Amino acid sequence: MDWIDTHPDIYNKARELDDGLNEVDQTIWDFMKDAASDIPDLEIPTRMNSVVSSVAGLFRSSGGNSV
């Protein structure tokens, strides 16, 4: 608290930021609660899927050299 008392400009800057953001937290919360979104739900591969895909890729790349 002593540091804040010796730097009153910090309080002024915080107030300025608060006024500038003007309820942005509520806007973000409303967006997060909205089930319908323009952001696609991308599948994130697991480590196992990545390993299996890599192994399968090895066989595909050598597939043209069958005996």
N, C-alpha and C. Protein backbone atom coordinates (compact mmCIF):
# COMPACT_ATOMS: atom_id res chain seq x y z
N MET A 1 0.81 -1.19 0.00
CA MET A 1 0.00 0.00 0.00
C MET A 1 0.86 1.25 0.00
N ASP A 2 2.02 1.18 0.65
CA ASP A 2 2.89 2.36 0.68
C ASP A 2 3.35 2.73 -0.72
N TRP A 3 3.63 1.73 -1.52
CA TRP A 3 4.10 1.99 -2.89
C TRP A 3 3.01 2.70 -3.68
N ILE A 4 1.77 2.24 -3.54
CA ILE A 4 0.65 2.87 -4.25
C ILE A 4 0.48 4.32 -3.78
N ASP A 5 0.64 4.54 -2.48
CA ASP A 5 0.54 5.91 -1.95
C ASP A 5 1.61 6.83 -2.53
N THR A 6 2.77 6.28 -2.82
CA THR A 6 3.84 7.12 -3.36
C THR A 6 3.77 7.25 -4.87
N HIS A 7 2.87 6.51 -5.51
CA HIS A 7 2.69 6.57 -6.97
C HIS A 7 1.22 6.79 -7.31
N PRO A 8 0.70 7.97 -7.06
CA PRO A 8 -0.73 8.22 -7.29
C PRO A 8 -1.13 8.11 -8.76
N ASP A 9 -0.18 8.25 -9.66
CA ASP A 9 -0.50 8.12 -11.08
C ASP A 9 -0.96 6.71 -11.44
N ILE A 10 -0.58 5.71 -10.66
CA ILE A 10 -1.03 4.33 -10.89
C ILE A 10 -2.55 4.25 -10.74
N TYR A 11 -3.08 4.87 -9.71
CA TYR A 11 -4.52 4.88 -9.48
C TYR A 11 -5.24 5.55 -10.66
N ASN A 12 -4.69 6.67 -11.10
CA ASN A 12 -5.30 7.39 -12.22
C ASN A 12 -5.29 6.55 -13.50
N LYS A 13 -4.18 5.85 -13.73
CA LYS A 13 -4.07 5.00 -14.93
C LYS A 13 -5.04 3.83 -14.83
N ALA A 14 -5.17 3.25 -13.67
CA ALA A 14 -6.11 2.14 -13.47
C ALA A 14 -7.54 2.60 -13.72
N ARG A 15 -7.89 3.77 -13.23
CA ARG A 15 -9.23 4.32 -13.44
C ARG A 15 -9.46 4.57 -14.93
N GLU A 16 -8.44 5.08 -15.60
CA GLU A 16 -8.52 5.34 -17.05
C GLU A 16 -8.75 4.04 -17.82
N LEU A 17 -8.02 3.00 -17.46
CA LEU A 17 -8.18 1.69 -18.11
C LEU A 17 -9.57 1.12 -17.85
N ASP A 18 -10.04 1.25 -16.63
CA ASP A 18 -11.36 0.75 -16.27
C ASP A 18 -12.44 1.45 -17.08
N ASP A 19 -12.33 2.75 -17.20
CA ASP A 19 -13.31 3.51 -17.99
C ASP A 19 -13.24 3.13 -19.46
N GLY A 20 -12.03 2.88 -19.96
CA GLY A 20 -11.85 2.53 -21.37
C GLY A 20 -12.39 1.15 -21.72
N LEU A 21 -12.30 0.23 -20.77
CA LEU A 21 -12.77 -1.14 -21.03
C LEU A 21 -14.28 -1.26 -20.89
N ASN A 22 -14.88 -0.40 -20.07
CA ASN A 22 -16.32 -0.26 -19.97
C ASN A 22 -17.09 -1.57 -20.11
N GLU A 23 -17.07 -2.36 -19.06
CA GLU A 23 -17.87 -3.59 -19.00
C GLU A 23 -17.40 -4.68 -19.98
N VAL A 24 -16.14 -4.67 -20.36
CA VAL A 24 -15.66 -5.69 -21.31
C VAL A 24 -15.77 -7.09 -20.70
N ASP A 25 -15.64 -7.20 -19.39
CA ASP A 25 -15.75 -8.51 -18.75
C ASP A 25 -17.13 -9.13 -18.98
N GLN A 26 -18.18 -8.31 -18.93
CA GLN A 26 -19.52 -8.83 -19.18
C GLN A 26 -19.68 -9.24 -20.64
N THR A 27 -19.09 -8.48 -21.55
CA THR A 27 -19.16 -8.81 -22.98
C THR A 27 -18.47 -10.15 -23.25
N ILE A 28 -17.31 -10.35 -22.64
CA ILE A 28 -16.58 -11.62 -22.82
C ILE A 28 -17.37 -12.77 -22.21
N TRP A 29 -17.94 -12.57 -21.02
CA TRP A 29 -18.72 -13.62 -20.37
C TRP A 29 -19.93 -14.00 -21.20
N ASP A 30 -20.63 -13.00 -21.75
CA ASP A 30 -21.79 -13.28 -22.61
C ASP A 30 -21.38 -14.08 -23.84
N PHE A 31 -20.24 -13.75 -24.42
CA PHE A 31 -19.74 -14.47 -25.59
C PHE A 31 -19.42 -15.93 -25.23
N MET A 32 -18.80 -16.12 -24.07
CA MET A 32 -18.43 -17.47 -23.65
C MET A 32 -19.65 -18.33 -23.36
N LYS A 33 -20.74 -17.74 -22.89
CA LYS A 33 -21.95 -18.49 -22.57
C LYS A 33 -22.77 -18.81 -23.82
N ASP A 34 -22.53 -18.10 -24.91
CA ASP A 34 -23.29 -18.29 -26.14
C ASP A 34 -22.86 -19.60 -26.80
N ALA A 35 -23.80 -20.53 -26.92
CA ALA A 35 -23.48 -21.85 -27.50
C ALA A 35 -23.19 -21.75 -28.99
N ALA A 36 -23.85 -20.85 -29.69
CA ALA A 36 -23.64 -20.68 -31.13
C ALA A 36 -22.53 -19.66 -31.34
N SER A 37 -21.47 -20.09 -32.00
CA SER A 37 -20.32 -19.23 -32.19
C SER A 37 -19.78 -19.39 -33.60
N ASP A 38 -19.15 -18.35 -34.10
CA ASP A 38 -18.53 -18.42 -35.42
C ASP A 38 -17.17 -19.11 -35.37
N ILE A 39 -16.69 -19.40 -34.17
CA ILE A 39 -15.40 -20.07 -34.02
C ILE A 39 -15.61 -21.56 -34.23
N PRO A 40 -14.88 -22.17 -35.20
CA PRO A 40 -15.08 -23.61 -35.45
C PRO A 40 -14.57 -24.45 -34.29
N ASP A 41 -15.21 -25.57 -34.08
CA ASP A 41 -14.81 -26.51 -33.04
C ASP A 41 -13.84 -27.51 -33.67
N LEU A 42 -12.56 -27.18 -33.66
CA LEU A 42 -11.56 -28.01 -34.30
C LEU A 42 -11.16 -29.18 -33.41
N GLU A 43 -10.94 -30.33 -34.04
CA GLU A 43 -10.49 -31.49 -33.29
C GLU A 43 -9.00 -31.34 -33.02
N ILE A 44 -8.63 -31.52 -31.78
CA ILE A 44 -7.22 -31.44 -31.39
C ILE A 44 -6.70 -32.86 -31.27
N PRO A 45 -5.74 -33.23 -32.10
CA PRO A 45 -5.26 -34.62 -32.06
C PRO A 45 -4.55 -34.93 -30.75
N THR A 46 -4.79 -36.13 -30.27
CA THR A 46 -4.10 -36.59 -29.07
C THR A 46 -2.73 -37.11 -29.47
N ARG A 47 -1.90 -37.37 -28.51
CA ARG A 47 -0.56 -37.91 -28.80
C ARG A 47 -0.68 -39.27 -29.51
N MET A 48 -1.64 -40.09 -29.09
CA MET A 48 -1.82 -41.40 -29.71
C MET A 48 -2.21 -41.25 -31.17
N ASN A 49 -3.15 -40.36 -31.48
CA ASN A 49 -3.55 -40.13 -32.87
C ASN A 49 -2.36 -39.68 -33.70
N SER A 50 -1.51 -38.85 -33.13
CA SER A 50 -0.35 -38.34 -33.83
C SER A 50 0.64 -39.46 -34.15
N VAL A 51 0.86 -40.35 -33.19
CA VAL A 51 1.79 -41.48 -33.39
C VAL A 51 1.24 -42.43 -34.44
N VAL A 52 -0.04 -42.76 -34.35
CA VAL A 52 -0.66 -43.67 -35.32
C VAL A 52 -0.60 -43.06 -36.71
N SER A 53 -0.87 -41.77 -36.82
CA SER A 53 -0.83 -41.09 -38.11
C SER A 53 0.58 -41.11 -38.69
N SER A 54 1.58 -40.91 -37.85
CA SER A 54 2.98 -40.93 -38.32
C SER A 54 3.37 -42.32 -38.82
N VAL A 55 2.98 -43.35 -38.09
CA VAL A 55 3.30 -44.72 -38.50
C VAL A 55 2.58 -45.06 -39.80
N ALA A 56 1.31 -44.69 -39.89
CA ALA A 56 0.55 -44.96 -41.11
C ALA A 56 1.17 -44.22 -42.29
N GLY A 57 1.66 -43.01 -42.05
CA GLY A 57 2.32 -42.24 -43.10
C GLY A 57 3.56 -42.91 -43.63
N LEU A 58 4.30 -43.61 -42.76
CA LEU A 58 5.49 -44.34 -43.20
C LEU A 58 5.13 -45.44 -44.19
N PHE A 59 4.04 -46.15 -43.91
CA PHE A 59 3.62 -47.23 -44.79
C PHE A 59 3.06 -46.68 -46.11
N ARG A 60 2.36 -45.54 -46.04
CA ARG A 60 1.81 -44.95 -47.27
C ARG A 60 2.91 -44.48 -48.20
N SER A 61 3.96 -43.89 -47.64
CA SER A 61 5.02 -43.35 -48.50
C SER A 61 5.82 -44.46 -49.17
N SER A 62 5.86 -45.66 -48.57
CA SER A 62 6.60 -46.76 -49.20
C SER A 62 5.65 -47.73 -49.90
N GLY A 63 4.37 -47.37 -50.00
CA GLY A 63 3.37 -48.24 -50.59
C GLY A 63 3.60 -48.51 -52.07
N GLY A 64 4.21 -47.60 -52.80
CA GLY A 64 4.44 -47.79 -54.24
C GLY A 64 5.56 -48.74 -54.53
N ASN A 65 6.36 -49.14 -53.56
CA ASN A 65 7.50 -50.03 -53.76
C ASN A 65 7.19 -51.44 -53.28
N SER A 66 5.95 -51.91 -53.47
CA SER A 66 5.56 -53.26 -53.01
C SER A 66 6.25 -54.33 -53.84
N VAL A 67 6.53 -55.46 -53.19
CA VAL A 67 7.20 -56.57 -53.88
C VAL A 67 6.17 -57.55 -54.37
